[in-house]
Amino acid sequence: MGAEMKFEKTGDTTYSLDVCGYVCPHPQMYCKKSLQKMEEGDILSLTFDNPSSKETIIQMVEAQGDEILEEKIEGGKIYLEIEKG
């Protein structure tokens, strides 16, 4: 068994989703499903390590009317902070 998708509530309005080890289209599918479970204004901290998913996730997030608050790359992992719109 390989990667495991971890979606958890980390605070009143904050969630984290770790999809490291997954390749397209799984990171964006899990991201979309996670955002659907959240309320407007909630924050999702997304961590993934598949660079080719980045553009697709950003496009999907913006198309849904959500907002990327922060984006950073550290040690091969990509971190996005997403506010549900």
Protein backbone atom coordinates (compact mmCIF):
# COMPACT_ATOMS: atom_id res chain seq x y z
CA MET A 1 0.00 0.00 0.00
CA GLY A 2 1.34 3.39 -0.99
CA ALA A 3 0.23 6.87 -0.10
CA GLU A 4 -2.67 7.68 2.14
CA MET A 5 -4.86 10.72 1.73
CA LYS A 6 -5.11 12.60 5.03
CA PHE A 7 -7.92 15.14 5.39
CA GLU A 8 -8.45 16.49 8.88
CA LYS A 9 -9.95 19.41 10.73
CA THR A 10 -7.18 21.30 12.49
CA GLY A 11 -9.20 24.14 14.03
CA ASP A 12 -12.61 25.80 14.01
CA THR A 13 -12.26 26.95 10.40
CA THR A 14 -9.04 25.24 9.30
CA TYR A 15 -8.43 21.93 7.58
CA SER A 16 -5.40 20.14 6.25
CA LEU A 17 -5.11 17.79 3.30
CA ASP A 18 -1.96 15.79 2.61
CA VAL A 19 -1.88 14.04 -0.77
CA CYS A 20 1.86 13.45 -1.04
CA GLY A 21 2.66 10.38 -3.12
CA TYR A 22 -0.32 10.85 -5.43
CA VAL A 23 -0.10 11.74 -9.13
CA CYS A 24 -2.62 13.45 -11.42
CA PRO A 25 -5.57 13.55 -11.29
CA HIS A 26 -5.81 12.43 -7.64
CA PRO A 27 -4.41 15.51 -5.84
CA GLN A 28 -6.92 17.85 -7.49
CA MET A 29 -9.80 15.37 -7.08
CA TYR A 30 -9.12 15.05 -3.35
CA CYS A 31 -8.67 18.82 -3.07
CA LYS A 32 -12.04 19.42 -4.75
CA LYS A 33 -13.81 16.84 -2.53
CA SER A 34 -12.25 18.34 0.60
CA LEU A 35 -13.31 21.87 -0.34
CA GLN A 36 -16.88 20.63 -0.92
CA LYS A 37 -17.01 19.47 2.71
CA MET A 38 -15.94 22.89 3.99
CA GLU A 39 -17.83 26.12 4.69
CA GLU A 40 -17.25 29.46 2.99
CA GLY A 41 -14.29 31.28 4.54
CA ASP A 42 -12.69 28.05 5.83
CA ILE A 43 -8.98 27.57 5.11
CA LEU A 44 -7.47 24.42 3.61
CA SER A 45 -3.74 23.76 3.95
CA LEU A 46 -2.91 21.48 1.04
CA THR A 47 0.37 19.54 0.82
CA PHE A 48 1.39 17.57 -2.28
CA ASP A 49 4.57 16.51 -4.03
CA ASN A 50 3.50 16.15 -7.65
CA PRO A 51 4.59 19.38 -9.42
CA SER A 52 2.41 18.74 -12.47
CA SER A 53 -0.69 18.95 -10.25
CA LYS A 54 0.07 22.51 -9.15
CA GLU A 55 -1.26 24.42 -12.16
CA THR A 56 -4.33 22.20 -12.42
CA ILE A 57 -5.16 22.68 -8.73
CA ILE A 58 -4.67 26.46 -8.93
CA GLN A 59 -6.89 26.69 -12.03
CA MET A 60 -9.59 24.53 -10.43
CA VAL A 61 -9.52 26.51 -7.16
CA GLU A 62 -9.83 29.86 -8.98
CA ALA A 63 -12.54 28.53 -11.33
CA GLN A 64 -14.59 27.50 -8.27
CA GLY A 65 -14.29 31.01 -6.83
CA ASP A 66 -11.92 29.97 -4.06
CA GLU A 67 -8.69 31.84 -3.38
CA ILE A 68 -5.03 30.82 -3.05
CA LEU A 69 -3.71 32.75 -0.04
CA GLU A 70 -0.20 31.34 0.00
CA GLU A 71 2.01 29.13 -2.09
CA LYS A 72 5.40 27.73 -1.14
CA ILE A 73 7.70 24.92 -2.14
CA GLU A 74 9.92 23.33 0.49
CA GLY A 75 12.02 20.19 0.23
CA GLY A 76 10.17 18.86 -2.80
CA LYS A 77 6.74 19.42 -1.23
CA ILE A 78 4.31 22.03 -2.45
CA TYR A 79 2.12 23.85 0.07
CA LEU A 80 -1.00 25.79 -0.88
CA GLU A 81 -3.21 27.72 1.51
CA ILE A 82 -6.72 27.89 0.04
CA GLU A 83 -9.66 29.94 1.29
CA LYS A 84 -13.06 28.59 0.30
CA GLY A 85 -15.01 31.34 -1.45
